[in-house]
């Protein structure tokens, strides 16, 4: 079963913050499949099918209801209840080490300092799940990292955000339509902003 999990913080005040990039991509996937989320314990869930190049790709979307640093609690519950295997999981999250405007797919690895991924690895006992990273860039030197991820995207960033979220949603679909390796080849070199180092 194809399972996409988008990370973020629940609550209206976090809706448009950088840390909620995973939630945003998940919302776009739900929109495309015409599905609505239903509350289910520590997470919300939506199921449906998305058309991709003539193929119908079934997906289960999981939105943790826990705060980012406790994402593993919700993910572990979803895995246990729906019997997902680790190889079926695609985790979508923000990444400061990736410039704004870029996305990157990978399989496995460490948390890279991301507390949500760290929590998931701790609860699942493995990091061998697929990830889709949405670049948010680092704050200017001297600015607080936590403030950066919990702040809304800047007005300039917002002009590109819908395209970035759309590209990330496309990549997530292709992971399950073509496989992670093919999707990596297609999307890891792509960027929405020609000079993504700027903000």
N, C-alpha and C. Protein backbone atom coordinates (compact mmCIF):
# COMPACT_ATOMS: atom_id res chain seq x y z
N UNK A 1 0.84 -1.19 0.00
CA UNK A 1 0.00 0.00 0.00
C UNK A 1 0.89 1.25 0.00
N UNK A 2 0.65 2.18 -0.90
CA UNK A 2 1.45 3.39 -1.00
C UNK A 2 1.04 4.39 0.06
N UNK A 3 1.95 4.76 0.93
CA UNK A 3 1.62 5.66 2.03
C UNK A 3 2.51 6.91 1.99
N UNK A 4 1.88 8.07 1.93
CA UNK A 4 2.59 9.35 1.94
C UNK A 4 2.28 10.05 3.25
N UNK A 5 3.32 10.43 3.97
CA UNK A 5 3.18 11.09 5.26
C UNK A 5 3.81 12.47 5.17
N UNK A 6 3.02 13.51 5.40
CA UNK A 6 3.53 14.88 5.35
C UNK A 6 3.68 15.42 6.76
N UNK A 7 4.87 15.93 7.07
CA UNK A 7 5.14 16.41 8.42
C UNK A 7 4.83 17.90 8.57
N UNK A 8 4.49 18.27 9.80
CA UNK A 8 4.20 19.66 10.12
C UNK A 8 3.73 19.78 11.55
N UNK A 9 3.28 20.97 11.90
CA UNK A 9 2.71 21.22 13.23
C UNK A 9 1.23 21.50 13.08
N UNK A 10 0.38 20.91 13.93
CA UNK A 10 -1.06 21.18 13.84
C UNK A 10 -1.38 22.56 14.40
N UNK A 11 -2.50 23.11 13.99
CA UNK A 11 -2.94 24.40 14.51
C UNK A 11 -2.84 25.50 13.48
N UNK A 12 -3.80 26.42 13.53
CA UNK A 12 -3.91 27.47 12.52
C UNK A 12 -2.67 28.37 12.46
N UNK A 13 -2.05 28.62 13.62
CA UNK A 13 -0.93 29.57 13.63
C UNK A 13 0.30 29.03 12.89
N UNK A 14 0.33 27.72 12.64
CA UNK A 14 1.47 27.13 11.93
C UNK A 14 1.19 26.88 10.44
N UNK A 15 -0.01 27.21 10.00
CA UNK A 15 -0.46 26.79 8.67
C UNK A 15 0.51 27.14 7.54
N UNK A 16 0.98 28.38 7.50
CA UNK A 16 1.81 28.82 6.38
C UNK A 16 3.29 28.94 6.75
N UNK A 17 3.71 28.24 7.80
CA UNK A 17 5.11 28.31 8.22
C UNK A 17 5.98 27.35 7.41
N UNK A 18 7.27 27.63 7.40
CA UNK A 18 8.20 26.81 6.62
C UNK A 18 8.22 25.35 7.09
N UNK A 19 8.07 25.15 8.40
CA UNK A 19 8.12 23.80 8.95
C UNK A 19 6.94 22.94 8.47
N UNK A 20 5.91 23.58 7.91
CA UNK A 20 4.71 22.86 7.50
C UNK A 20 4.68 22.54 6.00
N UNK A 21 5.84 22.56 5.38
CA UNK A 21 5.90 22.24 3.94
C UNK A 21 5.34 20.86 3.64
N UNK A 22 5.59 19.90 4.53
CA UNK A 22 5.07 18.55 4.32
C UNK A 22 3.55 18.51 4.33
N UNK A 23 2.94 19.24 5.27
CA UNK A 23 1.48 19.34 5.31
C UNK A 23 0.95 19.93 4.00
N UNK A 24 1.66 20.94 3.49
CA UNK A 24 1.19 21.62 2.28
C UNK A 24 1.18 20.69 1.07
N UNK A 25 2.23 19.89 0.93
CA UNK A 25 2.27 18.94 -0.19
C UNK A 25 1.17 17.89 -0.03
N UNK A 26 0.95 17.45 1.18
CA UNK A 26 -0.10 16.47 1.45
C UNK A 26 -1.47 17.03 1.08
N UNK A 27 -1.70 18.31 1.41
CA UNK A 27 -2.97 18.95 1.07
C UNK A 27 -3.17 19.01 -0.44
N UNK A 28 -2.09 19.25 -1.19
CA UNK A 28 -2.18 19.28 -2.65
C UNK A 28 -2.49 17.89 -3.20
N UNK A 29 -1.89 16.86 -2.64
CA UNK A 29 -2.19 15.49 -3.08
C UNK A 29 -3.65 15.15 -2.79
N UNK A 30 -4.15 15.54 -1.62
CA UNK A 30 -5.55 15.28 -1.28
C UNK A 30 -6.48 16.01 -2.24
N UNK A 31 -6.12 17.25 -2.59
CA UNK A 31 -6.93 18.02 -3.54
C UNK A 31 -7.00 17.31 -4.88
N UNK A 32 -5.87 16.81 -5.35
CA UNK A 32 -5.83 16.14 -6.66
C UNK A 32 -6.65 14.85 -6.67
N UNK A 33 -6.69 14.15 -5.56
CA UNK A 33 -7.46 12.90 -5.54
C UNK A 33 -8.90 13.12 -5.08
N UNK A 34 -9.23 14.38 -4.74
CA UNK A 34 -10.59 14.70 -4.31
C UNK A 34 -10.97 14.03 -3.01
N UNK A 35 -9.98 13.90 -2.12
CA UNK A 35 -10.20 13.20 -0.84
C UNK A 35 -10.19 14.19 0.32
N UNK A 36 -10.91 13.84 1.36
CA UNK A 36 -10.93 14.64 2.59
C UNK A 36 -10.30 13.83 3.72
N UNK A 37 -9.62 14.54 4.62
CA UNK A 37 -8.99 13.88 5.75
C UNK A 37 -10.01 13.59 6.85
N UNK A 38 -9.85 12.43 7.47
CA UNK A 38 -10.67 12.04 8.62
C UNK A 38 -9.75 11.80 9.80
N UNK A 39 -10.17 12.23 10.97
CA UNK A 39 -9.34 12.06 12.17
C UNK A 39 -9.29 10.59 12.56
N UNK A 40 -8.10 10.13 12.94
CA UNK A 40 -7.93 8.73 13.31
C UNK A 40 -6.82 8.62 14.36
N UNK A 41 -7.17 8.87 15.61
CA UNK A 41 -6.17 8.78 16.67
C UNK A 41 -5.17 9.92 16.61
N UNK A 42 -3.88 9.57 16.56
CA UNK A 42 -2.82 10.57 16.53
C UNK A 42 -2.59 11.16 15.14
N UNK A 43 -3.40 10.80 14.17
CA UNK A 43 -3.19 11.30 12.81
C UNK A 43 -4.52 11.43 12.07
N UNK A 44 -4.48 12.18 10.96
CA UNK A 44 -5.60 12.26 10.04
C UNK A 44 -5.24 11.44 8.81
N UNK A 45 -6.24 10.87 8.17
CA UNK A 45 -5.97 9.97 7.04
C UNK A 45 -6.93 10.26 5.88
N UNK A 46 -6.43 10.13 4.67
CA UNK A 46 -7.25 10.25 3.47
C UNK A 46 -6.78 9.18 2.48
N UNK A 47 -7.70 8.63 1.73
CA UNK A 47 -7.36 7.59 0.76
C UNK A 47 -7.97 7.92 -0.59
N UNK A 48 -7.29 7.52 -1.65
CA UNK A 48 -7.83 7.75 -2.98
C UNK A 48 -6.88 7.29 -4.06
N UNK A 49 -7.18 7.70 -5.28
CA UNK A 49 -6.39 7.32 -6.44
C UNK A 49 -6.06 8.57 -7.23
N UNK A 50 -4.81 8.68 -7.69
CA UNK A 50 -4.37 9.80 -8.51
C UNK A 50 -3.94 9.26 -9.87
N UNK A 51 -4.37 9.94 -10.93
CA UNK A 51 -3.98 9.54 -12.28
C UNK A 51 -2.59 10.08 -12.59
N UNK A 52 -1.72 9.23 -13.12
CA UNK A 52 -0.36 9.65 -13.47
C UNK A 52 0.02 9.03 -14.80
N UNK A 53 -0.05 9.83 -15.86
CA UNK A 53 0.34 9.35 -17.18
C UNK A 53 -0.44 8.14 -17.65
N UNK A 54 -1.73 8.14 -17.36
CA UNK A 54 -2.57 7.02 -17.77
C UNK A 54 -2.68 5.92 -16.75
N UNK A 55 -1.81 5.95 -15.74
CA UNK A 55 -1.88 4.96 -14.67
C UNK A 55 -2.64 5.53 -13.48
N UNK A 56 -3.36 4.69 -12.79
CA UNK A 56 -4.03 5.08 -11.56
C UNK A 56 -3.17 4.66 -10.38
N UNK A 57 -2.76 5.63 -9.58
CA UNK A 57 -1.86 5.38 -8.46
C UNK A 57 -2.64 5.51 -7.15
N UNK A 58 -2.90 4.38 -6.45
CA UNK A 58 -3.61 4.46 -5.17
C UNK A 58 -2.67 4.98 -4.09
N UNK A 59 -3.20 5.82 -3.21
CA UNK A 59 -2.40 6.39 -2.13
C UNK A 59 -3.19 6.50 -0.85
N UNK A 60 -2.49 6.31 0.25
CA UNK A 60 -3.01 6.63 1.57
C UNK A 60 -2.19 7.81 2.07
N UNK A 61 -2.87 8.88 2.44
CA UNK A 61 -2.20 10.08 2.94
C UNK A 61 -2.36 10.15 4.45
N UNK A 62 -1.26 10.35 5.15
CA UNK A 62 -1.28 10.41 6.61
C UNK A 62 -0.71 11.75 7.06
N UNK A 63 -1.50 12.47 7.86
CA UNK A 63 -1.08 13.77 8.41
C UNK A 63 -1.02 13.65 9.93
N UNK A 64 0.20 13.58 10.48
CA UNK A 64 0.32 13.46 11.94
C UNK A 64 -0.38 14.62 12.65
N UNK A 65 -1.07 14.30 13.73
CA UNK A 65 -1.73 15.33 14.54
C UNK A 65 -0.88 15.76 15.71
N UNK A 66 0.29 15.15 15.84
CA UNK A 66 1.24 15.50 16.89
C UNK A 66 2.10 16.67 16.41
N UNK A 67 2.77 17.33 17.35
CA UNK A 67 3.73 18.35 16.94
C UNK A 67 4.93 17.69 16.28
N UNK A 68 5.65 18.48 15.50
CA UNK A 68 6.74 17.95 14.67
C UNK A 68 7.68 17.02 15.43
N UNK A 69 8.11 17.46 16.62
CA UNK A 69 9.12 16.68 17.35
C UNK A 69 8.61 15.34 17.85
N UNK A 70 7.29 15.13 17.80
CA UNK A 70 6.70 13.85 18.21
C UNK A 70 6.06 13.12 17.03
N UNK A 71 6.51 13.44 15.82
CA UNK A 71 5.93 12.83 14.61
C UNK A 71 5.97 11.31 14.64
N UNK A 72 7.02 10.76 15.24
CA UNK A 72 7.18 9.31 15.26
C UNK A 72 6.04 8.58 15.95
N UNK A 73 5.44 9.24 16.93
CA UNK A 73 4.32 8.63 17.65
C UNK A 73 3.16 8.37 16.70
N UNK A 74 2.82 9.37 15.89
CA UNK A 74 1.72 9.23 14.93
C UNK A 74 2.07 8.26 13.81
N UNK A 75 3.30 8.34 13.32
CA UNK A 75 3.71 7.47 12.22
C UNK A 75 3.72 6.01 12.67
N UNK A 76 4.23 5.75 13.86
CA UNK A 76 4.26 4.37 14.37
C UNK A 76 2.86 3.82 14.54
N UNK A 77 1.93 4.66 14.99
CA UNK A 77 0.54 4.20 15.15
C UNK A 77 -0.07 3.87 13.79
N UNK A 78 0.18 4.73 12.79
CA UNK A 78 -0.36 4.48 11.45
C UNK A 78 0.22 3.20 10.86
N UNK A 79 1.52 3.00 11.02
CA UNK A 79 2.18 1.80 10.50
C UNK A 79 1.61 0.55 11.15
N UNK A 80 1.41 0.62 12.46
CA UNK A 80 0.88 -0.54 13.19
C UNK A 80 -0.57 -0.84 12.80
N UNK A 81 -1.37 0.20 12.73
CA UNK A 81 -2.80 -0.01 12.49
C UNK A 81 -3.08 -0.47 11.06
N UNK A 82 -2.37 0.12 10.09
CA UNK A 82 -2.64 -0.19 8.68
C UNK A 82 -1.64 -1.17 8.08
N UNK A 83 -0.70 -1.61 8.90
CA UNK A 83 0.29 -2.61 8.49
C UNK A 83 1.10 -2.19 7.28
N UNK A 84 1.47 -0.91 7.25
CA UNK A 84 2.39 -0.45 6.21
C UNK A 84 3.76 -1.07 6.45
N UNK A 85 4.47 -1.36 5.39
CA UNK A 85 5.88 -1.73 5.52
C UNK A 85 6.71 -0.47 5.35
N UNK A 86 7.93 -0.49 5.87
CA UNK A 86 8.80 0.68 5.78
C UNK A 86 9.05 1.06 4.32
N UNK A 87 9.14 0.07 3.45
CA UNK A 87 9.41 0.34 2.03
C UNK A 87 8.24 1.03 1.33
N UNK A 88 7.06 1.03 1.96
CA UNK A 88 5.88 1.68 1.37
C UNK A 88 5.73 3.13 1.81
N UNK A 89 6.59 3.59 2.71
CA UNK A 89 6.45 4.93 3.29
C UNK A 89 7.25 5.97 2.53
N UNK A 90 6.61 7.09 2.22
CA UNK A 90 7.29 8.28 1.71
C UNK A 90 7.00 9.41 2.69
N UNK A 91 8.04 9.91 3.34
CA UNK A 91 7.90 10.99 4.31
C UNK A 91 8.27 12.31 3.64
N UNK A 92 7.38 13.29 3.69
CA UNK A 92 7.64 14.60 3.09
C UNK A 92 7.90 15.60 4.21
N UNK A 93 9.02 16.32 4.11
CA UNK A 93 9.36 17.27 5.18
C UNK A 93 10.19 18.42 4.64
N UNK A 94 10.25 19.50 5.40
CA UNK A 94 11.07 20.66 5.07
C UNK A 94 12.54 20.32 5.30
N UNK A 95 13.43 21.05 4.62
CA UNK A 95 14.86 20.82 4.79
C UNK A 95 15.61 22.15 4.66
N UNK A 96 16.28 22.56 5.74
CA UNK A 96 17.03 23.81 5.74
C UNK A 96 18.30 23.74 4.90
N UNK A 97 18.86 22.55 4.75
CA UNK A 97 20.11 22.41 4.00
C UNK A 97 19.89 22.41 2.49
N UNK A 98 18.63 22.47 2.09
CA UNK A 98 18.28 22.51 0.68
C UNK A 98 17.75 23.91 0.37
N UNK A 99 18.29 24.58 -0.64
CA UNK A 99 17.84 25.95 -0.93
C UNK A 99 16.35 25.99 -1.26
N UNK A 100 15.72 27.10 -0.92
CA UNK A 100 14.32 27.31 -1.28
C UNK A 100 14.18 27.23 -2.80
N UNK A 101 13.19 26.48 -3.25
CA UNK A 101 12.97 26.30 -4.68
C UNK A 101 13.39 24.94 -5.18
N UNK A 102 14.09 24.17 -4.34
CA UNK A 102 14.54 22.84 -4.73
C UNK A 102 13.84 21.77 -3.90
N UNK A 103 13.70 20.60 -4.50
CA UNK A 103 13.21 19.43 -3.77
C UNK A 103 14.21 18.30 -3.99
N UNK A 104 14.18 17.31 -3.12
CA UNK A 104 15.11 16.19 -3.28
C UNK A 104 14.50 14.91 -2.72
N UNK A 105 14.57 13.86 -3.51
CA UNK A 105 14.14 12.54 -3.07
C UNK A 105 15.34 11.72 -2.63
N UNK A 106 15.16 10.89 -1.63
CA UNK A 106 16.21 9.95 -1.23
C UNK A 106 15.59 8.79 -0.47
N UNK A 107 16.34 7.73 -0.35
CA UNK A 107 15.90 6.59 0.44
C UNK A 107 16.89 6.37 1.58
N UNK A 108 16.38 6.31 2.79
CA UNK A 108 17.20 6.00 3.95
C UNK A 108 18.13 7.12 4.35
N UNK A 109 18.95 6.82 5.36
CA UNK A 109 19.90 7.81 5.86
C UNK A 109 19.56 8.26 7.26
N UNK A 110 20.33 9.21 7.75
CA UNK A 110 20.13 9.73 9.10
C UNK A 110 19.05 10.81 9.09
N UNK A 111 18.81 11.39 10.25
CA UNK A 111 17.79 12.44 10.36
C UNK A 111 18.28 13.76 9.79
N UNK A 112 19.60 13.94 9.68
CA UNK A 112 20.13 15.21 9.21
C UNK A 112 19.81 16.36 10.14
N UNK A 113 19.52 16.04 11.40
CA UNK A 113 19.19 17.08 12.37
C UNK A 113 17.73 17.49 12.38
N UNK A 114 16.91 16.86 11.53
CA UNK A 114 15.47 17.19 11.50
C UNK A 114 14.77 16.42 12.62
N UNK A 115 14.17 17.15 13.54
CA UNK A 115 13.59 16.52 14.73
C UNK A 115 12.41 15.60 14.40
N UNK A 116 11.63 15.94 13.40
CA UNK A 116 10.53 15.07 13.01
C UNK A 116 11.02 13.74 12.48
N UNK A 117 12.03 13.78 11.61
CA UNK A 117 12.62 12.55 11.07
C UNK A 117 13.30 11.76 12.18
N UNK A 118 13.97 12.47 13.07
CA UNK A 118 14.63 11.83 14.22
C UNK A 118 13.62 11.04 15.05
N UNK A 119 12.45 11.64 15.28
CA UNK A 119 11.39 10.98 16.05
C UNK A 119 10.87 9.74 15.33
N UNK A 120 10.71 9.83 14.02
CA UNK A 120 10.22 8.69 13.25
C UNK A 120 11.22 7.54 13.28
N UNK A 121 12.49 7.85 13.09
CA UNK A 121 13.53 6.81 13.14
C UNK A 121 13.53 6.13 14.51
N UNK A 122 13.38 6.94 15.56
CA UNK A 122 13.38 6.39 16.92
C UNK A 122 12.20 5.44 17.14
N UNK A 123 11.01 5.82 16.67
CA UNK A 123 9.82 5.00 16.90
C UNK A 123 9.76 3.77 15.99
N UNK A 124 10.25 3.90 14.77
CA UNK A 124 10.21 2.76 13.84
C UNK A 124 11.42 1.84 13.99
N UNK A 125 12.48 2.38 14.58
CA UNK A 125 13.70 1.58 14.74
C UNK A 125 14.51 1.46 13.47
N UNK A 126 14.21 2.28 12.48
CA UNK A 126 14.93 2.26 11.20
C UNK A 126 14.75 3.59 10.49
N UNK A 127 15.72 3.92 9.65
CA UNK A 127 15.60 5.11 8.82
C UNK A 127 15.49 4.78 7.35
N UNK A 128 15.18 3.52 7.04
CA UNK A 128 15.18 3.05 5.66
C UNK A 128 13.88 3.32 4.92
N UNK A 129 13.24 4.43 5.23
CA UNK A 129 12.05 4.84 4.48
C UNK A 129 12.45 5.91 3.46
N UNK A 130 11.59 6.12 2.48
CA UNK A 130 11.85 7.13 1.45
C UNK A 130 11.50 8.52 2.00
N UNK A 131 12.25 9.52 1.52
CA UNK A 131 11.97 10.89 1.95
C UNK A 131 11.87 11.80 0.73
N UNK A 132 11.03 12.79 0.85
CA UNK A 132 10.94 13.88 -0.13
C UNK A 132 11.17 15.17 0.64
N UNK A 133 12.31 15.79 0.38
CA UNK A 133 12.69 17.01 1.10
C UNK A 133 12.27 18.24 0.29
N UNK A 134 11.67 19.19 0.97
CA UNK A 134 11.27 20.46 0.36
C UNK A 134 12.18 21.54 0.93
N UNK A 135 13.00 22.14 0.07
CA UNK A 135 13.98 23.11 0.54
C UNK A 135 13.36 24.39 1.08
N UNK A 136 13.81 24.80 2.25
CA UNK A 136 13.37 26.09 2.81
C UNK A 136 14.56 27.03 3.02
N UNK A 137 15.78 26.53 2.81
CA UNK A 137 16.96 27.36 2.97
C UNK A 137 17.27 27.67 4.43
N UNK A 138 18.47 28.13 4.67
CA UNK A 138 18.87 28.51 6.03
C UNK A 138 18.59 29.98 6.28
N UNK A 139 18.42 30.36 7.55
CA UNK A 139 18.21 31.78 7.86
C UNK A 139 19.50 32.56 7.66
N UNK A 140 19.41 33.88 7.53
CA UNK A 140 20.63 34.69 7.46
C UNK A 140 21.49 34.46 8.69
N UNK A 141 22.79 34.61 8.52
CA UNK A 141 23.73 34.38 9.62
C UNK A 141 23.35 35.22 10.83
N UNK A 142 23.30 34.56 11.98
CA UNK A 142 22.95 35.25 13.22
C UNK A 142 21.49 35.12 13.60
N UNK A 143 20.63 34.76 12.64
CA UNK A 143 19.20 34.59 12.93
C UNK A 143 18.96 33.22 13.55
N UNK A 144 17.93 33.13 14.37
CA UNK A 144 17.62 31.90 15.08
C UNK A 144 16.99 30.86 14.14
N UNK A 145 17.50 29.64 14.20
CA UNK A 145 17.02 28.57 13.33
C UNK A 145 15.57 28.21 13.65
N UNK A 146 15.23 28.12 14.93
CA UNK A 146 13.86 27.75 15.31
C UNK A 146 12.87 28.81 14.84
N UNK A 147 13.24 30.09 15.02
CA UNK A 147 12.37 31.16 14.53
C UNK A 147 12.18 31.03 13.02
N UNK A 148 13.24 30.68 12.32
CA UNK A 148 13.19 30.58 10.86
C UNK A 148 12.18 29.53 10.41
N UNK A 149 12.22 28.35 11.00
CA UNK A 149 11.31 27.28 10.55
C UNK A 149 9.87 27.52 10.98
N UNK A 150 9.69 28.27 12.07
CA UNK A 150 8.33 28.50 12.58
C UNK A 150 7.72 29.80 12.07
N UNK A 151 8.45 30.53 11.24
CA UNK A 151 7.92 31.74 10.63
C UNK A 151 7.24 31.43 9.30
N UNK A 152 6.27 32.26 8.91
CA UNK A 152 5.65 32.08 7.59
C UNK A 152 6.67 32.33 6.48
N UNK A 153 6.41 31.77 5.32
CA UNK A 153 7.22 32.08 4.15
C UNK A 153 7.15 33.58 3.87
N UNK A 154 8.23 34.13 3.36
CA UNK A 154 8.28 35.57 3.06
C UNK A 154 7.38 35.87 1.86
N UNK A 155 6.98 37.15 1.69
CA UNK A 155 6.16 37.50 0.52
C UNK A 155 6.80 37.09 -0.80
N UNK A 156 8.12 37.23 -0.92
CA UNK A 156 8.80 36.83 -2.16
C UNK A 156 8.73 35.31 -2.34
N UNK A 157 8.93 34.57 -1.25
CA UNK A 157 8.84 33.11 -1.33
C UNK A 157 7.44 32.65 -1.72
N UNK A 158 6.44 33.37 -1.23
CA UNK A 158 5.05 32.99 -1.50
C UNK A 158 4.73 33.05 -2.99
N UNK A 159 5.45 33.89 -3.74
CA UNK A 159 5.18 33.97 -5.18
C UNK A 159 5.57 32.69 -5.90
N UNK A 160 6.45 31.91 -5.31
CA UNK A 160 6.91 30.65 -5.91
C UNK A 160 6.32 29.41 -5.23
N UNK A 161 5.73 29.60 -4.06
CA UNK A 161 5.40 28.45 -3.22
C UNK A 161 4.44 27.46 -3.88
N UNK A 162 3.40 27.96 -4.54
CA UNK A 162 2.43 27.05 -5.16
C UNK A 162 3.11 26.15 -6.20
N UNK A 163 4.05 26.73 -6.96
CA UNK A 163 4.76 25.93 -7.97
C UNK A 163 5.65 24.88 -7.32
N UNK A 164 6.29 25.25 -6.21
CA UNK A 164 7.16 24.30 -5.49
C UNK A 164 6.34 23.15 -4.92
N UNK A 165 5.22 23.49 -4.30
CA UNK A 165 4.34 22.46 -3.72
C UNK A 165 3.81 21.56 -4.82
N UNK A 166 3.46 22.14 -5.95
CA UNK A 166 2.98 21.34 -7.09
C UNK A 166 4.04 20.40 -7.61
N UNK A 167 5.29 20.89 -7.71
CA UNK A 167 6.39 20.05 -8.16
C UNK A 167 6.64 18.90 -7.19
N UNK A 168 6.59 19.20 -5.90
CA UNK A 168 6.79 18.16 -4.88
C UNK A 168 5.68 17.11 -4.95
N UNK A 169 4.44 17.56 -5.18
CA UNK A 169 3.33 16.61 -5.31
C UNK A 169 3.53 15.71 -6.53
N UNK A 170 3.98 16.30 -7.64
CA UNK A 170 4.28 15.51 -8.84
C UNK A 170 5.32 14.44 -8.53
N UNK A 171 6.37 14.84 -7.81
CA UNK A 171 7.45 13.91 -7.47
C UNK A 171 6.95 12.77 -6.60
N UNK A 172 6.09 13.10 -5.63
CA UNK A 172 5.55 12.06 -4.74
C UNK A 172 4.74 11.03 -5.53
N UNK A 173 3.95 11.51 -6.47
CA UNK A 173 3.15 10.60 -7.29
C UNK A 173 4.05 9.68 -8.11
N UNK A 174 5.10 10.24 -8.69
CA UNK A 174 5.98 9.45 -9.55
C UNK A 174 6.81 8.43 -8.77
N UNK A 175 7.04 8.68 -7.49
CA UNK A 175 7.72 7.68 -6.66
C UNK A 175 6.97 6.35 -6.73
N UNK A 176 5.64 6.42 -6.67
CA UNK A 176 4.84 5.20 -6.67
C UNK A 176 4.41 4.76 -8.07
N UNK A 177 4.46 5.69 -9.03
CA UNK A 177 4.10 5.33 -10.41
C UNK A 177 5.28 4.69 -11.14
N UNK A 178 6.51 5.21 -10.90
CA UNK A 178 7.69 4.77 -11.64
C UNK A 178 8.77 4.14 -10.78
N UNK A 179 8.69 4.36 -9.46
CA UNK A 179 9.73 3.87 -8.57
C UNK A 179 10.63 5.01 -8.11
N UNK A 180 11.25 4.84 -6.95
CA UNK A 180 12.05 5.89 -6.34
C UNK A 180 13.25 6.28 -7.20
N UNK A 181 13.92 5.31 -7.82
CA UNK A 181 15.12 5.63 -8.60
C UNK A 181 14.77 6.50 -9.81
N UNK A 182 13.72 6.13 -10.53
CA UNK A 182 13.30 6.91 -11.70
C UNK A 182 12.85 8.30 -11.28
N UNK A 183 12.13 8.38 -10.17
CA UNK A 183 11.66 9.69 -9.68
C UNK A 183 12.83 10.56 -9.25
N UNK A 184 13.84 9.97 -8.62
CA UNK A 184 15.03 10.73 -8.23
C UNK A 184 15.72 11.31 -9.46
N UNK A 185 15.87 10.50 -10.49
CA UNK A 185 16.52 10.96 -11.72
C UNK A 185 15.76 12.12 -12.36
N UNK A 186 14.44 12.06 -12.26
CA UNK A 186 13.61 13.07 -12.91
C UNK A 186 13.53 14.37 -12.11
N UNK A 187 13.49 14.27 -10.78
CA UNK A 187 13.17 15.45 -9.98
C UNK A 187 14.32 16.03 -9.16
N UNK A 188 15.37 15.27 -8.88
CA UNK A 188 16.41 15.80 -8.00
C UNK A 188 17.22 16.93 -8.61
N UNK A 189 17.21 17.07 -9.92
CA UNK A 189 17.91 18.19 -10.55
C UNK A 189 17.01 19.38 -10.84
N UNK A 190 15.73 19.23 -10.52
CA UNK A 190 14.76 20.27 -10.86
C UNK A 190 14.70 21.34 -9.78
N UNK A 191 14.42 22.58 -10.21
CA UNK A 191 14.19 23.66 -9.25
C UNK A 191 13.21 24.64 -9.86
N UNK A 192 12.45 25.27 -9.00
CA UNK A 192 11.43 26.21 -9.46
C UNK A 192 12.04 27.58 -9.73
N UNK A 193 13.02 27.97 -8.91
CA UNK A 193 13.65 29.28 -9.05
C UNK A 193 15.01 29.08 -9.70
N UNK A 194 15.27 29.84 -10.75
CA UNK A 194 16.53 29.65 -11.49
C UNK A 194 17.73 29.89 -10.59
N UNK A 195 17.68 30.96 -9.79
CA UNK A 195 18.73 31.18 -8.79
C UNK A 195 18.10 30.96 -7.44
N UNK A 196 18.07 29.70 -6.99
CA UNK A 196 17.36 29.37 -5.76
C UNK A 196 18.13 29.78 -4.52
N UNK A 197 19.32 30.35 -4.67
CA UNK A 197 20.05 30.81 -3.49
C UNK A 197 19.47 32.10 -2.94
N UNK A 198 18.68 32.81 -3.76
CA UNK A 198 18.10 34.07 -3.29
C UNK A 198 16.79 33.84 -2.63
N UNK A 199 16.37 34.83 -1.84
CA UNK A 199 15.08 34.73 -1.16
C UNK A 199 14.20 35.87 -1.62
